[in-house]
Amino acid sequence: MSASGATDPSKPQVLAGRRILVTRPAHQADLLCRLIEAEGGKALRLPLLSIVPAPHAGGARRLLEASRGADAWIFTSANAVQHARLLCPEGWPAQLAAVGAATAAALEAGGHPVLTPAANYSSEGLLELPQFRDVRGQRLLIVTGERGLGVLAPALRGRGATVEVAEVYRRVPLPYDGAHIAEAVRACHAVVITSGEALQHLLRLTPEPQRARLLGLKLVVPGARMVEKAAELGFRTPLAPEKMTDPGIVQALAQALAAAH
């Protein structure tokens, strides 16, 4: 299977007959849905959040502009890259870093070299990079969304850096009636969730009669911390892909659903 969605017709389709609930924001779901369907699955789209500019965008713009001389900017998501680019299109520092592969790809598409973990796509993975083990005296900017990752800033401050946080976008929960959510939960075999906020929103939206089924579904989430959070909320089989990329998600779905047979 390729990243474009092409598949080898001589190989079995690993998601044949499986229905996968994809809860990503609508503008970020296309490639994953294509990959699922290239492997014989059916992608059921249920965007739970909308991504919009932060309400205090003027303050974020001023912080970005004032931080052009920082030692590094650290991006927590592809949305952070997109919205930072709108607010401050030029003058970024030479050293940029990304928590995950999709974020790194968004930076590289803009022509920026980027530091990113080789495998452990998470805040913890980024903190393991040699460039961030000793940051005494450095000035760092974390570019994220409202209520973004809470691990990086305190860890880097604890290592001696001056850290500021530019919140450049916000996630807005989308409304659905209970019948729509109940039908989606009944129809699917697995769920892809890409943020803790989306996970909690789905749980709130799900009518009580469908809660047990939802909690028993195979659930793919981005990273070990989200696995722990999902388990605390009552999900029985949350798992994180080895790589939080679209092909990595499809591989994790295939393995989880094969194990369920």
C-alpha atoms as a PDB file:
ATOM      1  CA  MET A   1       0.000   0.000   0.000  1.00  0.00           C
ATOM      2  CA  SER A   2       1.307   3.447  -0.910  1.00  0.00           C
ATOM      3  CA  ALA A   3       0.643   6.772   0.787  1.00  0.00           C
ATOM      4  CA  SER A   4      -1.495   7.769  -2.187  1.00  0.00           C
ATOM      5  CA  GLY A   5      -3.920   4.946  -1.535  1.00  0.00           C
ATOM      6  CA  ALA A   6      -2.740   2.556  -4.280  1.00  0.00           C
ATOM      7  CA  THR A   7      -2.622  -1.113  -3.313  1.00  0.00           C
ATOM      8  CA  ASP A   8      -1.144  -4.276  -4.775  1.00  0.00           C
ATOM      9  CA  PRO A   9      -4.033  -6.298  -6.265  1.00  0.00           C
ATOM     10  CA  SER A  10      -2.135  -9.532  -5.577  1.00  0.00           C
ATOM     11  CA  LYS A  11      -2.231  -8.923  -1.818  1.00  0.00           C
ATOM     12  CA  PRO A  12      -5.286  -9.457   0.392  1.00  0.00           C
ATOM     13  CA  GLN A  13      -7.087  -6.316   1.499  1.00  0.00           C
ATOM     14  CA  VAL A  14      -6.409  -6.183   5.213  1.00  0.00           C
ATOM     15  CA  LEU A  15      -9.557  -4.210   6.108  1.00  0.00           C
ATOM     16  CA  ALA A  16     -11.968  -6.061   3.800  1.00  0.00           C
ATOM     17  CA  GLY A  17     -15.533  -5.659   5.023  1.00  0.00           C
ATOM     18  CA  ARG A  18     -14.543  -3.508   8.008  1.00  0.00           C
ATOM     19  CA  ARG A  19     -16.168  -0.167   8.769  1.00  0.00           C
ATOM     20  CA  ILE A  20     -13.910   2.406  10.406  1.00  0.00           C
ATOM     21  CA  LEU A  21     -15.223   5.539  12.106  1.00  0.00           C
ATOM     22  CA  VAL A  22     -12.860   8.405  11.186  1.00  0.00           C
ATOM     23  CA  THR A  23     -13.357  11.352  13.540  1.00  0.00           C
ATOM     24  CA  ARG A  24     -10.660  13.691  12.240  1.00  0.00           C
ATOM     25  CA  PRO A  25     -11.535  17.265  11.251  1.00  0.00           C
ATOM     26  CA  ALA A  26     -13.035  17.163   7.766  1.00  0.00           C
ATOM     27  CA  HIS A  27     -10.108  18.897   6.034  1.00  0.00           C
ATOM     28  CA  GLN A  28      -7.621  16.332   7.385  1.00  0.00           C
ATOM     29  CA  ALA A  29      -9.487  13.084   6.791  1.00  0.00           C
ATOM     30  CA  ASP A  30      -9.228  12.480   3.032  1.00  0.00           C
ATOM     31  CA  LEU A  31      -5.941  10.585   2.811  1.00  0.00           C
ATOM     32  CA  LEU A  32      -6.715   8.298   5.743  1.00  0.00           C
ATOM     33  CA  CYS A  33     -10.152   7.511   4.310  1.00  0.00           C
ATOM     34  CA  ARG A  34      -8.614   6.691   0.924  1.00  0.00           C
ATOM     35  CA  LEU A  35      -6.076   4.354   2.520  1.00  0.00           C
ATOM     36  CA  ILE A  36      -8.776   2.569   4.507  1.00  0.00           C
ATOM     37  CA  GLU A  37     -10.842   2.035   1.379  1.00  0.00           C
ATOM     38  CA  ALA A  38      -7.797   0.957  -0.638  1.00  0.00           C
ATOM     39  CA  GLU A  39      -7.499  -1.884   1.880  1.00  0.00           C
ATOM     40  CA  GLY A  40     -11.120  -2.929   1.412  1.00  0.00           C
ATOM     41  CA  GLY A  41     -12.555  -1.067   4.386  1.00  0.00           C
ATOM     42  CA  LYS A  42     -15.362   1.463   4.548  1.00  0.00           C
ATOM     43  CA  ALA A  43     -14.490   4.849   6.048  1.00  0.00           C
ATOM     44  CA  LEU A  44     -17.373   6.369   7.995  1.00  0.00           C
ATOM     45  CA  ARG A  45     -16.680  10.078   8.392  1.00  0.00           C
ATOM     46  CA  LEU A  46     -17.698  11.739  11.640  1.00  0.00           C
ATOM     47  CA  PRO A  47     -15.605  14.887  12.171  1.00  0.00           C
ATOM     48  CA  LEU A  48     -15.930  15.691  15.869  1.00  0.00           C
ATOM     49  CA  LEU A  49     -14.011  18.976  15.930  1.00  0.00           C
ATOM     50  CA  SER A  50     -13.615  21.984  13.675  1.00  0.00           C
ATOM     51  CA  ILE A  51     -10.282  23.835  13.584  1.00  0.00           C
ATOM     52  CA  VAL A  52     -10.606  27.626  13.668  1.00  0.00           C
ATOM     53  CA  PRO A  53      -8.217  30.542  14.346  1.00  0.00           C
ATOM     54  CA  ALA A  54      -7.630  31.323  18.009  1.00  0.00           C
ATOM     55  CA  PRO A  55      -9.837  34.169  19.250  1.00  0.00           C
ATOM     56  CA  HIS A  56      -6.733  36.059  20.431  1.00  0.00           C
ATOM     57  CA  ALA A  57      -4.947  35.739  17.084  1.00  0.00           C
ATOM     58  CA  GLY A  58      -3.529  39.258  17.342  1.00  0.00           C
ATOM     59  CA  GLY A  59      -1.633  38.368  20.493  1.00  0.00           C
ATOM     60  CA  ALA A  60      -0.388  35.144  18.919  1.00  0.00           C
ATOM     61  CA  ARG A  61       0.820  37.075  15.872  1.00  0.00           C
ATOM     62  CA  ARG A  62       2.736  39.518  18.038  1.00  0.00           C
ATOM     63  CA  LEU A  63       4.334  36.669  19.973  1.00  0.00           C
ATOM     64  CA  LEU A  64       5.390  34.900  16.766  1.00  0.00           C
ATOM     65  CA  GLU A  65       6.879  38.087  15.365  1.00  0.00           C
ATOM     66  CA  ALA A  66       8.685  38.842  18.622  1.00  0.00           C
ATOM     67  CA  SER A  67      10.081  35.287  18.712  1.00  0.00           C
ATOM     68  CA  ARG A  68      11.793  35.306  15.325  1.00  0.00           C
ATOM     69  CA  GLY A  69      15.121  35.396  17.157  1.00  0.00           C
ATOM     70  CA  ALA A  70      14.306  32.388  19.364  1.00  0.00           C
ATOM     71  CA  ASP A  71      16.639  29.398  19.359  1.00  0.00           C
ATOM     72  CA  ALA A  72      13.820  27.156  18.108  1.00  0.00           C
ATOM     73  CA  TRP A  73      10.099  26.970  17.451  1.00  0.00           C
ATOM     74  CA  ILE A  74       8.414  23.690  18.369  1.00  0.00           C
ATOM     75  CA  PHE A  75       5.164  22.763  16.599  1.00  0.00           C
ATOM     76  CA  THR A  76       2.686  20.335  18.112  1.00  0.00           C
ATOM     77  CA  SER A  77       0.472  19.709  15.069  1.00  0.00           C
ATOM     78  CA  ALA A  78       0.020  20.341  11.372  1.00  0.00           C
ATOM     79  CA  ASN A  79      -2.790  22.738  12.324  1.00  0.00           C
ATOM     80  CA  ALA A  80      -0.270  24.754  14.335  1.00  0.00           C
ATOM     81  CA  VAL A  81       1.967  25.004  11.258  1.00  0.00           C
ATOM     82  CA  GLN A  82      -0.906  26.112   9.023  1.00  0.00           C
ATOM     83  CA  HIS A  83      -2.218  28.781  11.385  1.00  0.00           C
ATOM     84  CA  ALA A  84       1.245  30.088  12.291  1.00  0.00           C
ATOM     85  CA  ARG A  85       1.975  30.475   8.598  1.00  0.00           C
ATOM     86  CA  LEU A  86      -1.178  32.576   8.192  1.00  0.00           C
ATOM     87  CA  LEU A  87      -0.259  34.800  11.144  1.00  0.00           C
ATOM     88  CA  CYS A  88       3.463  35.145  10.470  1.00  0.00           C
ATOM     89  CA  PRO A  89       4.429  33.923   6.989  1.00  0.00           C
ATOM     90  CA  GLU A  90       8.091  35.012   7.064  1.00  0.00           C
ATOM     91  CA  GLY A  91      11.095  35.320   9.294  1.00  0.00           C
ATOM     92  CA  TRP A  92      10.902  32.003  11.132  1.00  0.00           C
ATOM     93  CA  PRO A  93      14.082  30.874  12.935  1.00  0.00           C
ATOM     94  CA  ALA A  94      16.391  28.350  11.330  1.00  0.00           C
ATOM     95  CA  GLN A  95      15.688  25.693  13.961  1.00  0.00           C
ATOM     96  CA  LEU A  96      12.178  24.219  13.812  1.00  0.00           C
ATOM     97  CA  ALA A  97      10.958  21.061  15.526  1.00  0.00           C
ATOM     98  CA  ALA A  98       7.833  18.920  15.240  1.00  0.00           C
ATOM     99  CA  VAL A  99       6.296  16.448  17.639  1.00  0.00           C
ATOM    100  CA  GLY A 100       4.999  14.129  14.906  1.00  0.00           C
ATOM    101  CA  ALA A 101       5.410  13.016  11.314  1.00  0.00           C
ATOM    102  CA  ALA A 102       2.420  14.907   9.903  1.00  0.00           C
ATOM    103  CA  THR A 103       3.617  18.104  11.570  1.00  0.00           C
ATOM    104  CA  ALA A 104       7.110  17.597  10.188  1.00  0.00           C
ATOM    105  CA  ALA A 105       5.682  17.010   6.715  1.00  0.00           C
ATOM    106  CA  ALA A 106       3.713  20.272   6.930  1.00  0.00           C
ATOM    107  CA  LEU A 107       6.900  22.164   7.806  1.00  0.00           C
ATOM    108  CA  GLU A 108       8.946  20.452   5.114  1.00  0.00           C
ATOM    109  CA  ALA A 109       6.262  21.272   2.527  1.00  0.00           C
ATOM    110  CA  GLY A 110       6.979  24.912   3.298  1.00  0.00           C
ATOM    111  CA  GLY A 111      10.675  24.395   2.648  1.00  0.00           C
ATOM    112  CA  HIS A 112      11.802  24.232   6.278  1.00  0.00           C
ATOM    113  CA  PRO A 113      14.269  21.648   7.626  1.00  0.00           C
ATOM    114  CA  VAL A 114      12.855  20.181  10.815  1.00  0.00           C
ATOM    115  CA  LEU A 115      13.837  18.142  13.850  1.00  0.00           C
ATOM    116  CA  THR A 116      11.444  15.348  14.755  1.00  0.00           C
ATOM    117  CA  PRO A 117      11.638  12.082  16.717  1.00  0.00           C
ATOM    118  CA  ALA A 118      12.766   9.143  14.634  1.00  0.00           C
ATOM    119  CA  ALA A 119      10.084   6.790  15.943  1.00  0.00           C
ATOM    120  CA  ASN A 120       8.461   7.906  19.202  1.00  0.00           C
ATOM    121  CA  TYR A 121       6.191  10.615  17.821  1.00  0.00           C
ATOM    122  CA  SER A 122       5.260  12.345  21.065  1.00  0.00           C
ATOM    123  CA  SER A 123       6.313  15.109  23.405  1.00  0.00           C
ATOM    124  CA  GLU A 124       8.437  12.568  25.243  1.00  0.00           C
ATOM    125  CA  GLY A 125      10.105  11.520  21.993  1.00  0.00           C
ATOM    126  CA  LEU A 126      10.936  15.122  21.158  1.00  0.00           C
ATOM    127  CA  LEU A 127      12.395  15.669  24.620  1.00  0.00           C
ATOM    128  CA  GLU A 128      14.731  12.713  24.044  1.00  0.00           C
ATOM    129  CA  LEU A 129      16.385  14.399  21.059  1.00  0.00           C
ATOM    130  CA  PRO A 130      19.950  15.544  21.867  1.00  0.00           C
ATOM    131  CA  GLN A 131      19.083  19.117  20.862  1.00  0.00           C
ATOM    132  CA  PHE A 132      16.544  19.381  23.698  1.00  0.00           C
ATOM    133  CA  ARG A 133      18.332  17.532  26.498  1.00  0.00           C
ATOM    134  CA  ASP A 134      20.337  20.575  27.560  1.00  0.00           C
ATOM    135  CA  VAL A 135      18.581  23.841  26.755  1.00  0.00           C
ATOM    136  CA  ARG A 136      19.979  26.014  29.506  1.00  0.00           C
ATOM    137  CA  GLY A 137      19.806  29.667  28.507  1.00  0.00           C
ATOM    138  CA  GLN A 138      17.865  28.985  25.313  1.00  0.00           C
ATOM    139  CA  ARG A 139      14.707  30.803  24.267  1.00  0.00           C
ATOM    140  CA  LEU A 140      12.076  28.466  22.846  1.00  0.00           C
ATOM    141  CA  LEU A 141       8.597  28.990  21.440  1.00  0.00           C
ATOM    142  CA  ILE A 142       5.938  26.265  21.423  1.00  0.00           C
ATOM    143  CA  VAL A 143       3.359  26.776  18.662  1.00  0.00           C
ATOM    144  CA  THR A 144       0.157  24.932  19.438  1.00  0.00           C
ATOM    145  CA  GLY A 145      -3.617  25.113  19.846  1.00  0.00           C
ATOM    146  CA  GLU A 146      -5.629  26.219  22.825  1.00  0.00           C
ATOM    147  CA  ARG A 147      -5.232  23.739  25.663  1.00  0.00           C
ATOM    148  CA  GLY A 148      -2.412  22.123  23.695  1.00  0.00           C
ATOM    149  CA  LEU A 149       0.228  19.677  24.904  1.00  0.00           C
ATOM    150  CA  GLY A 150       0.995  20.279  28.572  1.00  0.00           C
ATOM    151  CA  VAL A 151       4.194  18.244  28.762  1.00  0.00           C
ATOM    152  CA  LEU A 152       6.691  20.204  26.686  1.00  0.00           C
ATOM    153  CA  ALA A 153       6.698  23.628  28.319  1.00  0.00           C
ATOM    154  CA  PRO A 154       7.253  22.522  31.939  1.00  0.00           C
ATOM    155  CA  ALA A 155       9.843  19.941  30.907  1.00  0.00           C
ATOM    156  CA  LEU A 156      11.865  22.427  28.867  1.00  0.00           C
ATOM    157  CA  ARG A 157      11.615  25.086  31.576  1.00  0.00           C
ATOM    158  CA  GLY A 158      12.850  22.488  34.030  1.00  0.00           C
ATOM    159  CA  ARG A 159      15.893  22.016  31.794  1.00  0.00           C
ATOM    160  CA  GLY A 160      16.700  25.718  31.946  1.00  0.00           C
ATOM    161  CA  ALA A 161      15.029  27.202  28.871  1.00  0.00           C
ATOM    162  CA  THR A 162      12.858  30.289  28.659  1.00  0.00           C
ATOM    163  CA  VAL A 163       9.669  28.973  27.055  1.00  0.00           C
ATOM    164  CA  GLU A 164       6.716  30.874  25.614  1.00  0.00           C
ATOM    165  CA  VAL A 165       3.566  29.367  24.108  1.00  0.00           C
ATOM    166  CA  ALA A 166       1.757  30.744  21.050  1.00  0.00           C
ATOM    167  CA  GLU A 167      -1.791  29.372  20.815  1.00  0.00           C
ATOM    168  CA  VAL A 168      -2.658  29.900  17.161  1.00  0.00           C
ATOM    169  CA  TYR A 169      -5.863  27.866  16.749  1.00  0.00           C
ATOM    170  CA  ARG A 170      -8.674  26.315  18.699  1.00  0.00           C
ATOM    171  CA  ARG A 171     -10.731  23.130  18.391  1.00  0.00           C
ATOM    172  CA  VAL A 172     -14.503  23.631  18.367  1.00  0.00           C
ATOM    173  CA  PRO A 173     -16.647  20.560  19.207  1.00  0.00           C
ATOM    174  CA  LEU A 174     -19.262  19.895  16.524  1.00  0.00           C
ATOM    175  CA  PRO A 175     -22.853  19.130  17.534  1.00  0.00           C
ATOM    176  CA  TYR A 176     -24.636  15.894  16.604  1.00  0.00           C
ATOM    177  CA  ASP A 177     -27.911  14.452  17.771  1.00  0.00           C
ATOM    178  CA  GLY A 178     -27.854  11.229  19.728  1.00  0.00           C
ATOM    179  CA  ALA A 179     -29.514   9.169  16.983  1.00  0.00           C
ATOM    180  CA  HIS A 180     -26.758  10.075  14.484  1.00  0.00           C
ATOM    181  CA  ILE A 181     -24.017   9.081  16.934  1.00  0.00           C
ATOM    182  CA  ALA A 182     -25.817   5.884  17.953  1.00  0.00           C
ATOM    183  CA  GLU A 183     -26.074   4.796  14.311  1.00  0.00           C
ATOM    184  CA  ALA A 184     -22.382   5.511  13.712  1.00  0.00           C
ATOM    185  CA  VAL A 185     -21.359   3.505  16.778  1.00  0.00           C
ATOM    186  CA  ARG A 186     -23.607   0.570  15.801  1.00  0.00           C
ATOM    187  CA  ALA A 187     -22.270   0.594  12.227  1.00  0.00           C
ATOM    188  CA  CYS A 188     -18.508   0.562  12.845  1.00  0.00           C
ATOM    189  CA  HIS A 189     -15.921  -2.017  13.858  1.00  0.00           C
ATOM    190  CA  ALA A 190     -13.231   0.448  14.985  1.00  0.00           C
ATOM    191  CA  VAL A 191     -12.703   4.143  15.711  1.00  0.00           C
ATOM    192  CA  VAL A 192      -9.813   6.485  14.921  1.00  0.00           C
ATOM    193  CA  ILE A 193      -9.453   9.352  17.421  1.00  0.00           C
ATOM    194  CA  THR A 194      -6.653  11.917  17.132  1.00  0.00           C
ATOM    195  CA  SER A 195      -7.058  14.054  20.268  1.00  0.00           C
ATOM    196  CA  GLY A 196      -8.168  13.737  23.870  1.00  0.00           C
ATOM    197  CA  GLU A 197     -10.746  16.468  23.322  1.00  0.00           C
ATOM    198  CA  ALA A 198     -12.326  14.515  20.449  1.00  0.00           C
ATOM    199  CA  LEU A 199     -12.376  11.345  22.545  1.00  0.00           C
ATOM    200  CA  GLN A 200     -14.193  13.019  25.426  1.00  0.00           C
ATOM    201  CA  HIS A 201     -16.614  14.702  23.018  1.00  0.00           C
ATOM    202  CA  LEU A 202     -17.498  11.366  21.397  1.00  0.00           C
ATOM    203  CA  LEU A 203     -18.108   9.809  24.799  1.00  0.00           C
ATOM    204  CA  ARG A 204     -20.389  12.708  25.815  1.00  0.00           C
ATOM    205  CA  LEU A 205     -22.340  12.513  22.556  1.00  0.00           C
ATOM    206  CA  THR A 206     -22.921   8.760  22.670  1.00  0.00           C
ATOM    207  CA  PRO A 207     -26.353   7.819  24.092  1.00  0.00           C
ATOM    208  CA  GLU A 208     -26.233   5.595  27.164  1.00  0.00           C
ATOM    209  CA  PRO A 209     -27.597   2.474  25.390  1.00  0.00           C
ATOM    210  CA  GLN A 210     -24.621   2.588  22.973  1.00  0.00           C
ATOM    211  CA  ARG A 211     -21.916   3.382  25.538  1.00  0.00           C
ATOM    212  CA  ALA A 212     -20.994  -0.249  26.199  1.00  0.00           C
ATOM    213  CA  ARG A 213     -20.569  -0.940  22.481  1.00  0.00           C
ATOM    214  CA  LEU A 214     -18.457   2.196  22.009  1.00  0.00           C
ATOM    215  CA  LEU A 215     -16.169   1.285  24.917  1.00  0.00           C
ATOM    216  CA  GLY A 216     -15.676  -2.193  23.471  1.00  0.00           C
ATOM    217  CA  LEU A 217     -14.715  -1.078  19.964  1.00  0.00           C
ATOM    218  CA  LYS A 218     -11.123  -1.183  18.743  1.00  0.00           C
ATOM    219  CA  LEU A 219      -9.809   2.333  19.279  1.00  0.00           C
ATOM    220  CA  VAL A 220      -6.712   3.844  17.635  1.00  0.00           C
ATOM    221  CA  VAL A 221      -5.289   6.895  19.419  1.00  0.00           C
ATOM    222  CA  PRO A 222      -2.088   8.975  19.030  1.00  0.00           C
ATOM    223  CA  GLY A 223       0.410   7.789  21.599  1.00  0.00           C
ATOM    224  CA  ALA A 224       0.886   6.114  24.960  1.00  0.00           C
ATOM    225  CA  ARG A 225      -0.587   8.983  26.989  1.00  0.00           C
ATOM    226  CA  MET A 226      -3.786   8.794  24.967  1.00  0.00           C
ATOM    227  CA  VAL A 227      -3.903   5.018  25.447  1.00  0.00           C
ATOM    228  CA  GLU A 228      -3.808   5.612  29.197  1.00  0.00           C
ATOM    229  CA  LYS A 229      -6.463   8.331  28.999  1.00  0.00           C
ATOM    230  CA  ALA A 230      -8.771   6.134  26.910  1.00  0.00           C
ATOM    231  CA  ALA A 231      -8.356   3.257  29.343  1.00  0.00           C
ATOM    232  CA  GLU A 232      -9.209   5.572  32.251  1.00  0.00           C
ATOM    233  CA  LEU A 233     -12.416   6.547  30.419  1.00  0.00           C
ATOM    234  CA  GLY A 234     -13.373   2.891  30.137  1.00  0.00           C
ATOM    235  CA  PHE A 235     -12.250   1.892  26.623  1.00  0.00           C
ATOM    236  CA  ARG A 236     -11.209  -1.739  26.713  1.00  0.00           C
ATOM    237  CA  THR A 237      -8.796  -1.992  23.776  1.00  0.00           C
ATOM    238  CA  PRO A 238      -7.157   1.382  22.988  1.00  0.00           C
ATOM    239  CA  LEU A 239      -3.905   1.166  21.049  1.00  0.00           C
ATOM    240  CA  ALA A 240      -1.399   3.512  19.469  1.00  0.00           C
ATOM    241  CA  PRO A 241       0.267   2.882  16.086  1.00  0.00           C
ATOM    242  CA  GLU A 242       4.035   2.434  16.008  1.00  0.00           C
ATOM    243  CA  LYS A 243       4.049   5.548  13.807  1.00  0.00           C
ATOM    244  CA  MET A 244       1.205   8.050  13.963  1.00  0.00           C
ATOM    245  CA  THR A 245       0.983   8.425  10.191  1.00  0.00           C
ATOM    246  CA  ASP A 246      -1.944   7.538   7.955  1.00  0.00           C
ATOM    247  CA  PRO A 247      -0.313   4.258   6.794  1.00  0.00           C
ATOM    248  CA  GLY A 248       0.633   3.572  10.412  1.00  0.00           C
ATOM    249  CA  ILE A 249      -2.992   4.004  11.501  1.00  0.00           C
ATOM    250  CA  VAL A 250      -4.169   1.604   8.792  1.00  0.00           C
ATOM    251  CA  GLN A 251      -1.569  -0.951   9.857  1.00  0.00           C
ATOM    252  CA  ALA A 252      -2.659  -0.662  13.495  1.00  0.00           C
ATOM    253  CA  LEU A 253      -6.307  -1.073  12.502  1.00  0.00           C
ATOM    254  CA  ALA A 254      -5.494  -4.166  10.466  1.00  0.00           C
ATOM    255  CA  GLN A 255      -3.564  -5.762  13.333  1.00  0.00           C
ATOM    256  CA  ALA A 256      -6.226  -4.938  15.923  1.00  0.00           C
ATOM    257  CA  LEU A 257      -9.108  -6.179  13.835  1.00  0.00           C
ATOM    258  CA  ALA A 258      -7.245  -9.352  12.808  1.00  0.00           C
ATOM    259  CA  ALA A 259      -6.627 -10.088  16.486  1.00  0.00           C
ATOM    260  CA  ALA A 260     -10.354  -9.714  17.146  1.00  0.00           C
ATOM    261  CA  HIS A 261     -11.211 -12.718  14.956  1.00  0.00           C
END
